[in-house]
Every structure is written in structure tokens, then in C-alpha cells.
Amino acid sequence: MPAYSWAEDRSPGYRELAGREPVFRRVLHQYGRPAPFEWHDGGRTGSSPFAAMLLHIVGQWISAVAAFRIYDRVSTMTGGIPTAASVLSLGQVRLRTCGLSKAKAGYVVALAQAQATGVIDVEHLDKLSDADVVTDGTSITCRPEAR
């Protein structure tokens, strides 16, 4: 990775922080600027966008540590990196035993149902326009489980 030059950075935020904070400047120099949308999950989701989306749903409004614990429980119950089919086989009730709230369990099942039925193709969202991704994502309906 090329060395970071805070003086040449065109991002006012990075340039300002690097100019004021020597520790931040050294970290940037050693590691470079982070990709703004990259999120390291320790390999938990493999190369599966579905599993990554599931982890993002799990992680909403909770700490990363708690999200990873809950996601790891789901992974254990599904026997590996979760797929739409393996999540659907668990259902909302068993997902709740992993630590998901009723609402999040519903969202996870709704995502899995949408993926399994072809309403959305999470594995190929990167090939769609932003507008199509929003349209597909907002077409998913979450229904509470009857049990």
C-alpha cells in the first residue's frame, strides 16, 4: 500500500484530522485510508452477500461484539455460513433463541424468504443501479410469525 500523505489528501476531513492529530496521521501513514464501506467481520460471512446482509441486520443498534456473538450463534445453528434456506429452516422462534429480537428475527426471515422466492437477489445486488436496489429492498415485507 502506498504511503499516506496527509498534505496531499483532498478529503478535508482526513486532512484536518491528520493535520491536528499526530497519532491519527501515523496510523494513516502506516495503514492508509480505510475504504469507507468496508467492514471487517473476521471472515464470518465468507463471500456471501446474503450472510453479510444478515449480519448487518443483526448489528443494527447494537455493538459489533454483540452482533458477532448473535450472528455466530445463527451460524452454528445453520451449520456454517447462513443461507436463505438454512435461515428459513430455523424460523423466527429459533432465531430468537440466538438473541435476536422479535422484530429482527422477522426481518431476517423476510430477507431469507425474499431471497428464496426470487423477490430479491442479494447475491447480485452489485449489478443493479442504486434505484433498483432501493426498489428491491423496499419490496420486502416483514410479517410476524403466528406462533
N, C-alpha and C. Protein backbone atom coordinates (compact mmCIF):
# COMPACT_ATOMS: atom_id res chain seq x y z
N MET A 1 0.86 -1.18 0.00
CA MET A 1 0.00 0.00 0.00
C MET A 1 0.90 1.24 0.00
N PRO A 2 0.63 2.21 -0.88
CA PRO A 2 1.46 3.40 -0.91
C PRO A 2 1.33 4.20 0.38
N ALA A 3 2.38 4.91 0.72
CA ALA A 3 2.37 5.73 1.94
C ALA A 3 1.30 6.80 1.84
N TYR A 4 0.67 7.09 2.95
CA TYR A 4 -0.36 8.11 3.02
C TYR A 4 0.29 9.48 3.18
N SER A 5 -0.16 10.44 2.42
CA SER A 5 0.34 11.81 2.54
C SER A 5 -0.82 12.71 2.93
N TRP A 6 -0.86 13.09 4.20
CA TRP A 6 -1.99 13.92 4.65
C TRP A 6 -1.98 15.28 3.98
N ALA A 7 -0.83 15.79 3.62
CA ALA A 7 -0.76 17.10 2.97
C ALA A 7 -1.38 17.06 1.58
N GLU A 8 -1.36 15.88 0.94
CA GLU A 8 -1.91 15.75 -0.41
C GLU A 8 -3.34 15.22 -0.44
N ASP A 9 -3.86 14.86 0.72
CA ASP A 9 -5.22 14.30 0.78
C ASP A 9 -6.23 15.38 0.41
N ARG A 10 -7.12 15.05 -0.51
CA ARG A 10 -8.12 16.03 -0.96
C ARG A 10 -9.39 15.99 -0.11
N SER A 11 -9.46 15.05 0.81
CA SER A 11 -10.62 14.97 1.70
C SER A 11 -10.41 15.92 2.87
N PRO A 12 -11.23 16.95 2.99
CA PRO A 12 -11.00 17.92 4.06
C PRO A 12 -11.03 17.30 5.46
N GLY A 13 -11.86 16.30 5.66
CA GLY A 13 -11.96 15.67 6.97
C GLY A 13 -10.69 14.94 7.36
N TYR A 14 -10.19 14.12 6.47
CA TYR A 14 -8.95 13.39 6.75
C TYR A 14 -7.78 14.36 6.89
N ARG A 15 -7.70 15.33 5.99
CA ARG A 15 -6.60 16.28 6.01
C ARG A 15 -6.61 17.06 7.33
N GLU A 16 -7.77 17.49 7.75
CA GLU A 16 -7.89 18.25 9.00
C GLU A 16 -7.48 17.40 10.20
N LEU A 17 -8.02 16.18 10.28
CA LEU A 17 -7.68 15.31 11.42
C LEU A 17 -6.21 14.93 11.42
N ALA A 18 -5.68 14.58 10.25
CA ALA A 18 -4.27 14.21 10.17
C ALA A 18 -3.37 15.39 10.52
N GLY A 19 -3.80 16.59 10.17
CA GLY A 19 -3.02 17.77 10.50
C GLY A 19 -3.02 18.09 11.98
N ARG A 20 -4.09 17.77 12.66
CA ARG A 20 -4.22 18.08 14.09
C ARG A 20 -3.78 16.96 15.02
N GLU A 21 -3.92 15.72 14.57
CA GLU A 21 -3.68 14.57 15.44
C GLU A 21 -2.52 13.73 14.92
N PRO A 22 -1.37 13.83 15.57
CA PRO A 22 -0.20 13.07 15.12
C PRO A 22 -0.42 11.56 15.14
N VAL A 23 -1.16 11.05 16.13
CA VAL A 23 -1.40 9.60 16.20
C VAL A 23 -2.24 9.16 15.00
N PHE A 24 -3.27 9.92 14.69
CA PHE A 24 -4.12 9.62 13.53
C PHE A 24 -3.28 9.67 12.25
N ARG A 25 -2.42 10.65 12.13
CA ARG A 25 -1.56 10.79 10.96
C ARG A 25 -0.64 9.57 10.82
N ARG A 26 -0.07 9.10 11.95
CA ARG A 26 0.81 7.92 11.90
C ARG A 26 0.04 6.66 11.51
N VAL A 27 -1.17 6.52 12.03
CA VAL A 27 -1.99 5.36 11.66
C VAL A 27 -2.30 5.40 10.17
N LEU A 28 -2.70 6.56 9.67
CA LEU A 28 -2.97 6.69 8.24
C LEU A 28 -1.73 6.40 7.41
N HIS A 29 -0.58 6.90 7.87
CA HIS A 29 0.66 6.67 7.13
C HIS A 29 1.00 5.18 7.10
N GLN A 30 0.79 4.49 8.22
CA GLN A 30 1.14 3.08 8.28
C GLN A 30 0.15 2.20 7.53
N TYR A 31 -1.15 2.49 7.66
CA TYR A 31 -2.17 1.60 7.11
C TYR A 31 -2.92 2.17 5.90
N GLY A 32 -2.78 3.46 5.64
CA GLY A 32 -3.51 4.08 4.55
C GLY A 32 -4.93 4.43 4.97
N ARG A 33 -5.65 5.05 4.06
CA ARG A 33 -7.04 5.41 4.33
C ARG A 33 -7.92 4.18 4.21
N PRO A 34 -8.82 3.98 5.15
CA PRO A 34 -9.71 2.83 5.05
C PRO A 34 -10.75 3.05 3.95
N ALA A 35 -11.18 1.96 3.35
CA ALA A 35 -12.28 2.03 2.39
C ALA A 35 -13.54 2.39 3.18
N PRO A 36 -14.30 3.40 2.78
CA PRO A 36 -15.40 3.88 3.60
C PRO A 36 -16.53 2.88 3.83
N PHE A 37 -16.71 1.93 2.93
CA PHE A 37 -17.82 0.99 3.09
C PHE A 37 -17.36 -0.42 3.44
N GLU A 38 -16.08 -0.59 3.67
CA GLU A 38 -15.56 -1.91 4.01
C GLU A 38 -15.77 -2.16 5.50
N TRP A 39 -16.23 -3.33 5.81
CA TRP A 39 -16.48 -3.70 7.20
C TRP A 39 -15.92 -5.09 7.42
N HIS A 40 -14.98 -5.22 8.32
CA HIS A 40 -14.33 -6.50 8.54
C HIS A 40 -15.12 -7.32 9.55
N ASP A 41 -15.48 -8.51 9.13
CA ASP A 41 -16.27 -9.39 10.01
C ASP A 41 -15.50 -10.63 10.42
N GLY A 42 -14.20 -10.61 10.24
CA GLY A 42 -13.37 -11.74 10.65
C GLY A 42 -13.60 -12.98 9.80
N GLY A 43 -14.12 -12.82 8.59
CA GLY A 43 -14.36 -13.95 7.70
C GLY A 43 -15.67 -14.67 7.97
N ARG A 44 -16.46 -14.17 8.87
CA ARG A 44 -17.70 -14.84 9.27
C ARG A 44 -18.66 -15.07 8.10
N THR A 45 -18.75 -14.11 7.19
CA THR A 45 -19.73 -14.20 6.12
C THR A 45 -19.16 -14.78 4.83
N GLY A 46 -17.87 -15.12 4.85
CA GLY A 46 -17.24 -15.67 3.65
C GLY A 46 -17.39 -14.69 2.50
N SER A 47 -17.82 -15.18 1.37
CA SER A 47 -18.05 -14.31 0.21
C SER A 47 -19.54 -14.16 -0.07
N SER A 48 -20.38 -14.44 0.93
CA SER A 48 -21.82 -14.42 0.75
C SER A 48 -22.44 -13.06 1.07
N PRO A 49 -22.92 -12.35 0.06
CA PRO A 49 -23.63 -11.10 0.34
C PRO A 49 -24.88 -11.32 1.20
N PHE A 50 -25.56 -12.48 1.04
CA PHE A 50 -26.72 -12.76 1.89
C PHE A 50 -26.32 -12.81 3.36
N ALA A 51 -25.23 -13.54 3.66
CA ALA A 51 -24.77 -13.64 5.05
C ALA A 51 -24.33 -12.27 5.56
N ALA A 52 -23.69 -11.47 4.71
CA ALA A 52 -23.27 -10.13 5.12
C ALA A 52 -24.49 -9.26 5.42
N MET A 53 -25.53 -9.36 4.60
CA MET A 53 -26.75 -8.60 4.85
C MET A 53 -27.40 -9.04 6.15
N LEU A 54 -27.41 -10.34 6.40
CA LEU A 54 -27.94 -10.87 7.65
C LEU A 54 -27.17 -10.27 8.83
N LEU A 55 -25.84 -10.26 8.73
CA LEU A 55 -25.02 -9.70 9.80
C LEU A 55 -25.32 -8.21 10.00
N HIS A 56 -25.54 -7.50 8.94
CA HIS A 56 -25.87 -6.07 9.06
C HIS A 56 -27.22 -5.88 9.75
N ILE A 57 -28.18 -6.71 9.44
CA ILE A 57 -29.48 -6.63 10.13
C ILE A 57 -29.29 -6.92 11.61
N VAL A 58 -28.57 -7.99 11.92
CA VAL A 58 -28.31 -8.36 13.31
C VAL A 58 -27.63 -7.19 14.04
N GLY A 59 -26.71 -6.51 13.37
CA GLY A 59 -25.90 -5.48 14.01
C GLY A 59 -26.56 -4.13 14.17
N GLN A 60 -27.76 -3.95 13.64
CA GLN A 60 -28.44 -2.67 13.78
C GLN A 60 -28.67 -2.34 15.24
N TRP A 61 -28.22 -1.20 15.68
CA TRP A 61 -28.47 -0.64 17.01
C TRP A 61 -27.86 -1.42 18.16
N ILE A 62 -26.90 -2.31 17.87
CA ILE A 62 -26.20 -2.99 18.96
C ILE A 62 -24.71 -2.93 18.68
N SER A 63 -23.91 -3.28 19.66
CA SER A 63 -22.46 -3.23 19.48
C SER A 63 -22.02 -4.32 18.50
N ALA A 64 -20.84 -4.10 17.92
CA ALA A 64 -20.29 -5.10 17.00
C ALA A 64 -20.04 -6.41 17.73
N VAL A 65 -19.57 -6.33 18.97
CA VAL A 65 -19.31 -7.55 19.75
C VAL A 65 -20.59 -8.36 19.92
N ALA A 66 -21.68 -7.70 20.29
CA ALA A 66 -22.96 -8.39 20.46
C ALA A 66 -23.45 -8.93 19.12
N ALA A 67 -23.31 -8.16 18.06
CA ALA A 67 -23.76 -8.60 16.73
C ALA A 67 -23.00 -9.85 16.30
N PHE A 68 -21.68 -9.86 16.51
CA PHE A 68 -20.89 -11.02 16.13
C PHE A 68 -21.29 -12.25 16.94
N ARG A 69 -21.56 -12.06 18.23
CA ARG A 69 -21.99 -13.20 19.06
C ARG A 69 -23.30 -13.80 18.56
N ILE A 70 -24.26 -12.93 18.30
CA ILE A 70 -25.57 -13.40 17.83
C ILE A 70 -25.43 -14.06 16.46
N TYR A 71 -24.71 -13.41 15.55
CA TYR A 71 -24.50 -13.97 14.22
C TYR A 71 -23.81 -15.33 14.32
N ASP A 72 -22.81 -15.44 15.19
CA ASP A 72 -22.10 -16.72 15.36
C ASP A 72 -23.05 -17.81 15.85
N ARG A 73 -24.00 -17.45 16.69
CA ARG A 73 -25.00 -18.44 17.15
C ARG A 73 -25.87 -18.89 15.98
N VAL A 74 -26.28 -17.94 15.15
CA VAL A 74 -27.08 -18.29 13.96
C VAL A 74 -26.25 -19.20 13.06
N SER A 75 -24.98 -18.87 12.84
CA SER A 75 -24.10 -19.69 12.00
C SER A 75 -23.98 -21.11 12.56
N THR A 76 -23.85 -21.21 13.87
CA THR A 76 -23.75 -22.53 14.49
C THR A 76 -25.03 -23.32 14.26
N MET A 77 -26.17 -22.66 14.43
CA MET A 77 -27.45 -23.36 14.25
C MET A 77 -27.70 -23.75 12.80
N THR A 78 -27.14 -22.98 11.85
CA THR A 78 -27.35 -23.31 10.44
C THR A 78 -26.26 -24.24 9.92
N GLY A 79 -25.26 -24.49 10.73
CA GLY A 79 -24.20 -25.41 10.31
C GLY A 79 -23.14 -24.78 9.43
N GLY A 80 -23.01 -23.48 9.46
CA GLY A 80 -22.00 -22.78 8.66
C GLY A 80 -22.48 -21.41 8.28
N ILE A 81 -21.93 -20.87 7.21
CA ILE A 81 -22.35 -19.55 6.75
C ILE A 81 -23.82 -19.63 6.36
N PRO A 82 -24.67 -18.80 6.99
CA PRO A 82 -26.11 -18.90 6.74
C PRO A 82 -26.49 -18.63 5.28
N THR A 83 -27.45 -19.40 4.82
CA THR A 83 -28.05 -19.20 3.50
C THR A 83 -29.53 -18.91 3.72
N ALA A 84 -30.21 -18.49 2.69
CA ALA A 84 -31.65 -18.24 2.82
C ALA A 84 -32.36 -19.51 3.27
N ALA A 85 -32.02 -20.64 2.67
CA ALA A 85 -32.69 -21.90 3.02
C ALA A 85 -32.41 -22.30 4.47
N SER A 86 -31.16 -22.15 4.92
CA SER A 86 -30.85 -22.56 6.29
C SER A 86 -31.51 -21.64 7.31
N VAL A 87 -31.63 -20.35 6.99
CA VAL A 87 -32.31 -19.41 7.89
C VAL A 87 -33.80 -19.74 7.94
N LEU A 88 -34.39 -20.03 6.79
CA LEU A 88 -35.82 -20.38 6.77
C LEU A 88 -36.08 -21.66 7.54
N SER A 89 -35.13 -22.58 7.52
CA SER A 89 -35.33 -23.83 8.27
C SER A 89 -35.35 -23.59 9.78
N LEU A 90 -34.70 -22.52 10.22
CA LEU A 90 -34.74 -22.18 11.65
C LEU A 90 -36.06 -21.54 12.05
N GLY A 91 -36.52 -20.58 11.26
CA GLY A 91 -37.75 -19.85 11.61
C GLY A 91 -37.48 -18.81 12.68
N GLN A 92 -38.46 -17.96 12.89
CA GLN A 92 -38.32 -16.85 13.82
C GLN A 92 -38.11 -17.29 15.26
N VAL A 93 -38.81 -18.31 15.67
CA VAL A 93 -38.72 -18.74 17.07
C VAL A 93 -37.30 -19.19 17.41
N ARG A 94 -36.70 -20.02 16.57
CA ARG A 94 -35.33 -20.48 16.84
C ARG A 94 -34.32 -19.36 16.67
N LEU A 95 -34.57 -18.45 15.74
CA LEU A 95 -33.68 -17.30 15.59
C LEU A 95 -33.69 -16.45 16.86
N ARG A 96 -34.83 -16.35 17.50
CA ARG A 96 -34.92 -15.58 18.74
C ARG A 96 -34.06 -16.20 19.83
N THR A 97 -33.91 -17.52 19.84
CA THR A 97 -33.07 -18.16 20.86
C THR A 97 -31.59 -17.83 20.66
N CYS A 98 -31.25 -17.31 19.47
CA CYS A 98 -29.87 -16.88 19.22
C CYS A 98 -29.60 -15.49 19.79
N GLY A 99 -30.67 -14.81 20.18
CA GLY A 99 -30.52 -13.47 20.75
C GLY A 99 -31.14 -12.36 19.92
N LEU A 100 -31.79 -12.73 18.83
CA LEU A 100 -32.45 -11.72 18.01
C LEU A 100 -33.76 -11.28 18.65
N SER A 101 -34.08 -10.01 18.52
CA SER A 101 -35.38 -9.52 18.96
C SER A 101 -36.45 -10.09 18.02
N LYS A 102 -37.69 -9.99 18.43
CA LYS A 102 -38.79 -10.46 17.59
C LYS A 102 -38.77 -9.73 16.24
N ALA A 103 -38.55 -8.43 16.28
CA ALA A 103 -38.54 -7.64 15.05
C ALA A 103 -37.38 -8.06 14.14
N LYS A 104 -36.18 -8.19 14.69
CA LYS A 104 -35.04 -8.57 13.85
C LYS A 104 -35.18 -9.99 13.31
N ALA A 105 -35.72 -10.89 14.11
CA ALA A 105 -35.95 -12.25 13.62
C ALA A 105 -36.92 -12.19 12.43
N GLY A 106 -37.92 -11.33 12.53
CA GLY A 106 -38.86 -11.16 11.43
C GLY A 106 -38.20 -10.60 10.18
N TYR A 107 -37.31 -9.62 10.37
CA TYR A 107 -36.61 -9.04 9.22
C TYR A 107 -35.69 -10.06 8.56
N VAL A 108 -35.01 -10.86 9.37
CA VAL A 108 -34.10 -11.87 8.84
C VAL A 108 -34.87 -12.91 8.04
N VAL A 109 -35.99 -13.37 8.58
CA VAL A 109 -36.81 -14.35 7.87
C VAL A 109 -37.39 -13.73 6.59
N ALA A 110 -37.82 -12.48 6.66
CA ALA A 110 -38.36 -11.81 5.47
C ALA A 110 -37.29 -11.71 4.38
N LEU A 111 -36.06 -11.37 4.77
CA LEU A 111 -34.97 -11.32 3.80
C LEU A 111 -34.73 -12.69 3.19
N ALA A 112 -34.71 -13.72 4.03
CA ALA A 112 -34.48 -15.08 3.54
C ALA A 112 -35.61 -15.52 2.60
N GLN A 113 -36.85 -15.20 2.95
CA GLN A 113 -37.98 -15.56 2.08
C GLN A 113 -37.88 -14.83 0.75
N ALA A 114 -37.55 -13.56 0.79
CA ALA A 114 -37.43 -12.78 -0.44
C ALA A 114 -36.31 -13.34 -1.32
N GLN A 115 -35.20 -13.73 -0.71
CA GLN A 115 -34.09 -14.32 -1.47
C GLN A 115 -34.50 -15.68 -2.05
N ALA A 116 -35.14 -16.50 -1.22
CA ALA A 116 -35.51 -17.86 -1.65
C ALA A 116 -36.57 -17.85 -2.75
N THR A 117 -37.45 -16.87 -2.75
CA THR A 117 -38.53 -16.82 -3.73
C THR A 117 -38.18 -15.97 -4.95
N GLY A 118 -37.01 -15.34 -4.94
CA GLY A 118 -36.60 -14.54 -6.09
C GLY A 118 -37.12 -13.12 -6.09
N VAL A 119 -37.76 -12.69 -5.01
CA VAL A 119 -38.22 -11.30 -4.92
C VAL A 119 -37.01 -10.36 -4.96
N ILE A 120 -35.92 -10.81 -4.35
CA ILE A 120 -34.68 -10.06 -4.34
C ILE A 120 -33.53 -11.05 -4.56
N ASP A 121 -32.46 -10.58 -5.17
CA ASP A 121 -31.29 -11.42 -5.35
C ASP A 121 -30.11 -10.72 -4.69
N VAL A 122 -29.97 -10.93 -3.39
CA VAL A 122 -28.93 -10.27 -2.61
C VAL A 122 -27.55 -10.58 -3.16
N GLU A 123 -27.38 -11.77 -3.71
CA GLU A 123 -26.07 -12.18 -4.21
C GLU A 123 -25.63 -11.37 -5.42
N HIS A 124 -26.54 -10.66 -6.07
CA HIS A 124 -26.19 -9.92 -7.29
C HIS A 124 -26.66 -8.46 -7.26
N LEU A 125 -26.87 -7.91 -6.09
CA LEU A 125 -27.30 -6.51 -5.99
C LEU A 125 -26.26 -5.56 -6.58
N ASP A 126 -25.01 -5.95 -6.56
CA ASP A 126 -23.95 -5.09 -7.08
C ASP A 126 -24.08 -4.84 -8.58
N LYS A 127 -24.89 -5.62 -9.25
CA LYS A 127 -25.07 -5.45 -10.68
C LYS A 127 -26.25 -4.52 -11.01
N LEU A 128 -26.98 -4.08 -9.97
CA LEU A 128 -28.15 -3.22 -10.16
C LEU A 128 -27.80 -1.76 -9.92
N SER A 129 -28.64 -0.89 -10.46
CA SER A 129 -28.49 0.54 -10.16
C SER A 129 -28.92 0.79 -8.72
N ASP A 130 -28.52 1.91 -8.16
CA ASP A 130 -28.92 2.26 -6.80
C ASP A 130 -30.44 2.29 -6.68
N ALA A 131 -31.10 2.85 -7.68
CA ALA A 131 -32.57 2.95 -7.64
C ALA A 131 -33.21 1.57 -7.61
N ASP A 132 -32.68 0.63 -8.39
CA ASP A 132 -33.23 -0.73 -8.41
C ASP A 132 -32.98 -1.45 -7.08
N VAL A 133 -31.82 -1.20 -6.47
CA VAL A 133 -31.54 -1.81 -5.17
C VAL A 133 -32.55 -1.30 -4.14
N VAL A 134 -32.82 0.00 -4.15
CA VAL A 134 -33.80 0.57 -3.22
C VAL A 134 -35.17 -0.02 -3.48
N THR A 135 -35.56 -0.12 -4.74
CA THR A 135 -36.86 -0.69 -5.10
C THR A 135 -36.97 -2.14 -4.62
N ASP A 136 -35.94 -2.94 -4.90
CA ASP A 136 -35.96 -4.34 -4.46
C ASP A 136 -35.99 -4.44 -2.94
N GLY A 137 -35.14 -3.68 -2.28
CA GLY A 137 -35.05 -3.75 -0.82
C GLY A 137 -36.32 -3.33 -0.12
N THR A 138 -36.99 -2.32 -0.66
CA THR A 138 -38.22 -1.84 -0.02
C THR A 138 -39.44 -2.67 -0.41
N SER A 139 -39.25 -3.63 -1.31
CA SER A 139 -40.38 -4.50 -1.68
C SER A 139 -40.55 -5.66 -0.68
N ILE A 140 -39.58 -5.83 0.19
CA ILE A 140 -39.63 -6.93 1.16
C ILE A 140 -40.56 -6.56 2.30
N THR A 141 -41.48 -7.46 2.59
CA THR A 141 -42.44 -7.23 3.67
C THR A 141 -42.15 -8.17 4.83
N CYS A 142 -42.21 -7.63 6.01
CA CYS A 142 -41.95 -8.42 7.21
C CYS A 142 -43.27 -8.71 7.90
N ARG A 143 -43.55 -9.99 8.07
CA ARG A 143 -44.77 -10.40 8.78
C ARG A 143 -44.39 -11.16 10.04
N PRO A 144 -44.94 -10.76 11.19
CA PRO A 144 -44.62 -11.51 12.42
C PRO A 144 -45.10 -12.96 12.32
N GLU A 145 -44.31 -13.84 12.88
CA GLU A 145 -44.67 -15.27 12.87
C GLU A 145 -45.90 -15.48 13.76
N ALA A 146 -46.75 -16.37 13.36
CA ALA A 146 -48.02 -16.61 14.07
C ALA A 146 -47.83 -17.36 15.37
N ARG A 147 -46.68 -17.97 15.60
CA ARG A 147 -46.50 -18.76 16.82
C ARG A 147 -46.26 -17.95 18.04
